[in-house]
Amino acid sequence: MLKAEVEPGTVECSPLPVTERPFLEPERQEIVRVLVMGSPWGVNSTIRTLYLLGFAHINDWSPLLPAPNSGDVMSILKRRIGRERRV
């Protein structure tokens, strides 16, 4: 279990389990990409928060990459989802 260093006065939390997705046939799945862009601190903080919420493992994200036309960085998560789900 991940124990993050916390500053005094902040709430300490443990990550929720990331839901593992069973194998789906290629015709029943789709690849989606999630992009986080901002300062290095902001991007890393968002990735850690999404991990704590059980959205994705930290190592599933790309390394920080320079964002186009700015001084920001970005990180990309590629994820397979089943097409049978309706939103």
C-alpha atoms as a PDB file:
ATOM      1  CA  MET A   1       0.000   0.000   0.000  1.00  0.00           C
ATOM      2  CA  LEU A   2       1.267   3.459  -0.880  1.00  0.00           C
ATOM      3  CA  LYS A   3       1.885   5.850   1.991  1.00  0.00           C
ATOM      4  CA  ALA A   4       2.425   9.341   0.699  1.00  0.00           C
ATOM      5  CA  GLU A   5       4.410  11.885   2.661  1.00  0.00           C
ATOM      6  CA  VAL A   6       1.977  14.518   3.861  1.00  0.00           C
ATOM      7  CA  GLU A   7       2.421  18.001   5.183  1.00  0.00           C
ATOM      8  CA  PRO A   8       1.169  18.847   8.692  1.00  0.00           C
ATOM      9  CA  GLY A   9      -2.521  19.659   8.655  1.00  0.00           C
ATOM     10  CA  THR A  10      -3.315  17.619   5.550  1.00  0.00           C
ATOM     11  CA  VAL A  11      -5.368  14.463   5.386  1.00  0.00           C
ATOM     12  CA  GLU A  12      -3.500  11.207   4.817  1.00  0.00           C
ATOM     13  CA  CYS A  13      -5.166   8.756   2.467  1.00  0.00           C
ATOM     14  CA  SER A  14      -4.508   5.349   0.971  1.00  0.00           C
ATOM     15  CA  PRO A  15      -5.142   4.478  -2.671  1.00  0.00           C
ATOM     16  CA  LEU A  16      -8.283   2.686  -3.762  1.00  0.00           C
ATOM     17  CA  PRO A  17      -7.625  -0.500  -5.723  1.00  0.00           C
ATOM     18  CA  VAL A  18      -7.284   0.097  -9.452  1.00  0.00           C
ATOM     19  CA  THR A  19      -9.884  -1.994 -11.230  1.00  0.00           C
ATOM     20  CA  GLU A  20      -8.254  -4.564 -13.457  1.00  0.00           C
ATOM     21  CA  ARG A  21     -10.044  -5.064 -16.751  1.00  0.00           C
ATOM     22  CA  PRO A  22     -10.522  -8.577 -18.069  1.00  0.00           C
ATOM     23  CA  PHE A  23      -9.401  -9.380 -21.589  1.00  0.00           C
ATOM     24  CA  LEU A  24     -11.897  -8.402 -24.263  1.00  0.00           C
ATOM     25  CA  GLU A  25     -11.853  -9.423 -27.903  1.00  0.00           C
ATOM     26  CA  PRO A  26     -10.316  -6.639 -30.074  1.00  0.00           C
ATOM     27  CA  GLU A  27     -13.631  -5.977 -31.832  1.00  0.00           C
ATOM     28  CA  ARG A  28     -15.291  -5.310 -28.458  1.00  0.00           C
ATOM     29  CA  GLN A  29     -12.740  -2.825 -27.170  1.00  0.00           C
ATOM     30  CA  GLU A  30     -11.601   0.685 -27.926  1.00  0.00           C
ATOM     31  CA  ILE A  31      -8.489   2.627 -26.979  1.00  0.00           C
ATOM     32  CA  VAL A  32      -9.003   6.012 -25.319  1.00  0.00           C
ATOM     33  CA  ARG A  33      -6.323   8.478 -24.265  1.00  0.00           C
ATOM     34  CA  VAL A  34      -6.358  10.735 -21.218  1.00  0.00           C
ATOM     35  CA  LEU A  35      -4.117  13.817 -21.359  1.00  0.00           C
ATOM     36  CA  VAL A  36      -2.981  15.867 -18.365  1.00  0.00           C
ATOM     37  CA  MET A  37      -1.180  19.112 -19.200  1.00  0.00           C
ATOM     38  CA  GLY A  38       0.261  21.807 -16.944  1.00  0.00           C
ATOM     39  CA  SER A  39       3.271  22.480 -14.763  1.00  0.00           C
ATOM     40  CA  PRO A  40       5.372  19.445 -13.778  1.00  0.00           C
ATOM     41  CA  TRP A  41       4.052  19.738 -10.216  1.00  0.00           C
ATOM     42  CA  GLY A  42       0.432  20.011 -11.388  1.00  0.00           C
ATOM     43  CA  VAL A  43       0.669  17.044 -13.751  1.00  0.00           C
ATOM     44  CA  ASN A  44       2.375  14.804 -11.172  1.00  0.00           C
ATOM     45  CA  SER A  45      -0.106  15.865  -8.487  1.00  0.00           C
ATOM     46  CA  THR A  46      -3.062  15.051 -10.752  1.00  0.00           C
ATOM     47  CA  ILE A  47      -1.609  11.640 -11.653  1.00  0.00           C
ATOM     48  CA  ARG A  48      -1.114  10.838  -7.943  1.00  0.00           C
ATOM     49  CA  THR A  49      -4.675  11.959  -7.150  1.00  0.00           C
ATOM     50  CA  LEU A  50      -6.114   9.794  -9.928  1.00  0.00           C
ATOM     51  CA  TYR A  51      -4.102   6.855  -8.557  1.00  0.00           C
ATOM     52  CA  LEU A  52      -5.455   7.445  -5.049  1.00  0.00           C
ATOM     53  CA  LEU A  53      -8.968   7.446  -6.537  1.00  0.00           C
ATOM     54  CA  GLY A  54      -8.293   4.065  -8.182  1.00  0.00           C
ATOM     55  CA  PHE A  55      -8.325   5.404 -11.749  1.00  0.00           C
ATOM     56  CA  ALA A  56      -4.911   4.192 -12.968  1.00  0.00           C
ATOM     57  CA  HIS A  57      -1.519   3.098 -11.699  1.00  0.00           C
ATOM     58  CA  ILE A  58       1.127   5.826 -11.677  1.00  0.00           C
ATOM     59  CA  ASN A  59       3.398   3.778 -13.956  1.00  0.00           C
ATOM     60  CA  ASP A  60       0.637   3.506 -16.587  1.00  0.00           C
ATOM     61  CA  TRP A  61       1.187   7.173 -17.530  1.00  0.00           C
ATOM     62  CA  SER A  62       3.811   8.321 -20.017  1.00  0.00           C
ATOM     63  CA  PRO A  63       6.879  10.165 -18.749  1.00  0.00           C
ATOM     64  CA  LEU A  64       6.491  13.952 -18.656  1.00  0.00           C
ATOM     65  CA  LEU A  65       6.739  15.284 -22.202  1.00  0.00           C
ATOM     66  CA  PRO A  66       7.104  18.890 -23.372  1.00  0.00           C
ATOM     67  CA  ALA A  67       3.698  20.300 -24.324  1.00  0.00           C
ATOM     68  CA  PRO A  68       3.473  21.908 -27.763  1.00  0.00           C
ATOM     69  CA  ASN A  69       3.654  25.715 -27.969  1.00  0.00           C
ATOM     70  CA  SER A  70       4.070  26.338 -24.240  1.00  0.00           C
ATOM     71  CA  GLY A  71       6.346  25.915 -21.246  1.00  0.00           C
ATOM     72  CA  ASP A  72       4.026  23.224 -19.866  1.00  0.00           C
ATOM     73  CA  VAL A  73       4.510  19.469 -19.768  1.00  0.00           C
ATOM     74  CA  MET A  74       2.041  16.690 -20.445  1.00  0.00           C
ATOM     75  CA  SER A  75       1.518  13.030 -19.670  1.00  0.00           C
ATOM     76  CA  ILE A  76      -0.712  10.605 -21.558  1.00  0.00           C
ATOM     77  CA  LEU A  77      -2.554   7.514 -20.345  1.00  0.00           C
ATOM     78  CA  LYS A  78      -3.714   5.005 -22.962  1.00  0.00           C
ATOM     79  CA  ARG A  79      -6.522   2.739 -21.795  1.00  0.00           C
ATOM     80  CA  ARG A  80      -8.635   0.000 -23.358  1.00  0.00           C
ATOM     81  CA  ILE A  81     -12.354   0.119 -22.642  1.00  0.00           C
ATOM     82  CA  GLY A  82     -15.146  -2.240 -23.566  1.00  0.00           C
ATOM     83  CA  ARG A  83     -17.578  -1.036 -26.225  1.00  0.00           C
ATOM     84  CA  GLU A  84     -20.561  -2.787 -24.704  1.00  0.00           C
ATOM     85  CA  ARG A  85     -20.818  -0.148 -21.971  1.00  0.00           C
ATOM     86  CA  ARG A  86     -23.263   2.685 -22.519  1.00  0.00           C
ATOM     87  CA  VAL A  87     -22.748   6.043 -20.823  1.00  0.00           C
END
